[in-house]
Each structure stands twice: as C-alpha cells, then as structure tokens.
C-alpha cells in the first residue's frame, strides 16, 4: 500500500534535500501541508508540487523563476 502522508524528513529524503529547505517550501506556500501534531504532506500534494514546478529554479523559494535555456 502506498503511503498517504509524508513527514518533513521523508519529503526531504524524496527531494534529496534537507528538512530546513522543505520548511522553506512550506512557509512560502509552495508546498501545502496538514498540521497533525507536526507537518504532514499528502502524497498527492507532493506529486502536484513536483509537476507544477518542473522547469523552475527553486533554489530560493522566495524568488521562484522559470528556467530558460540559453544558447
């Protein structure tokens, strides 16, 4: 059975980043969460986030920009 909810730590492992970066995504409103004692991210929300922001530079969650190819 596929997981329905992920912890911030699990999301950071999936995204190959650190938990503090995931908290930045949450605090800027880019990644929606549920507060169930601690933050939980729904599987569907994570998949939507990955799809929606594909092709964007998320290095700074406060300044998201579309990646443009340069020749």
Protein backbone atom coordinates (compact mmCIF):
# COMPACT_ATOMS: atom_id res chain seq x y z
CA UNK A 1 0.00 0.00 0.00
CA UNK A 2 1.31 3.42 -0.99
CA UNK A 3 1.89 5.98 1.76
CA UNK A 4 -0.73 8.70 2.01
CA UNK A 5 1.18 11.13 4.25
CA UNK A 6 4.87 12.01 4.48
CA UNK A 7 6.77 13.73 7.28
CA UNK A 8 9.02 16.69 6.52
CA UNK A 9 12.02 14.38 6.92
CA UNK A 10 10.58 11.89 4.43
CA UNK A 11 9.85 14.67 1.92
CA UNK A 12 13.43 15.93 2.29
CA UNK A 13 14.72 12.43 1.53
CA UNK A 14 12.45 12.13 -1.52
CA UNK A 15 13.62 15.53 -2.81
CA UNK A 16 17.27 14.82 -1.90
CA UNK A 17 17.46 17.98 0.18
CA UNK A 18 17.39 18.86 3.87
CA UNK A 19 14.41 19.35 6.19
CA UNK A 20 15.06 23.08 6.61
CA UNK A 21 14.63 23.55 2.85
CA UNK A 22 11.31 21.67 2.98
CA UNK A 23 10.20 24.03 5.78
CA UNK A 24 11.09 26.96 3.47
CA UNK A 25 8.87 25.47 0.75
CA UNK A 26 6.08 25.12 3.30
CA UNK A 27 6.50 28.60 4.78
CA UNK A 28 6.43 30.26 1.34
CA UNK A 29 3.23 28.39 0.46
CA UNK A 30 4.75 26.38 -2.37
CA UNK A 31 4.19 23.03 -0.66
CA UNK A 32 0.83 22.58 1.12
CA UNK A 33 0.74 20.66 4.39
CA UNK A 34 -1.55 19.36 7.09
CA UNK A 35 -0.75 20.08 10.73
CA UNK A 36 -1.35 16.83 12.61
CA UNK A 37 0.86 17.41 15.63
CA UNK A 38 3.65 18.03 13.14
CA UNK A 39 3.56 18.90 9.46
CA UNK A 40 2.47 16.15 7.09
CA UNK A 41 2.48 16.34 3.29
CA UNK A 42 -0.10 14.39 1.33
CA UNK A 43 1.29 12.18 -1.44
CA UNK A 44 -0.99 13.91 -3.97
CA UNK A 45 0.22 17.36 -2.84
CA UNK A 46 3.85 16.33 -3.27
CA UNK A 47 3.21 14.92 -6.76
CA UNK A 48 1.32 18.09 -7.75
CA UNK A 49 4.18 20.24 -6.41
CA UNK A 50 6.75 18.27 -8.44
CA UNK A 51 4.64 18.50 -11.59
CA UNK A 52 3.69 22.16 -11.17
CA UNK A 53 7.24 23.39 -10.51
CA UNK A 54 9.08 21.26 -13.05
CA UNK A 55 11.25 23.62 -15.10
CA UNK A 56 11.53 26.20 -12.31
CA UNK A 57 14.54 27.29 -10.27
CA UNK A 58 13.53 26.65 -6.65
CA UNK A 59 16.97 27.38 -5.17
CA UNK A 60 15.39 30.31 -3.32
CA UNK A 61 11.74 29.54 -2.53
CA UNK A 62 11.14 33.28 -2.03
CA UNK A 63 12.20 34.01 -5.62
CA UNK A 64 10.93 31.24 -7.93
CA UNK A 65 11.83 31.69 -11.59
CA UNK A 66 11.17 29.70 -14.74
CA UNK A 67 14.36 28.15 -16.10
CA UNK A 68 15.15 29.42 -19.57
CA UNK A 69 17.60 27.69 -21.86
CA UNK A 70 20.46 29.82 -23.10
CA UNK A 71 22.34 29.07 -26.29
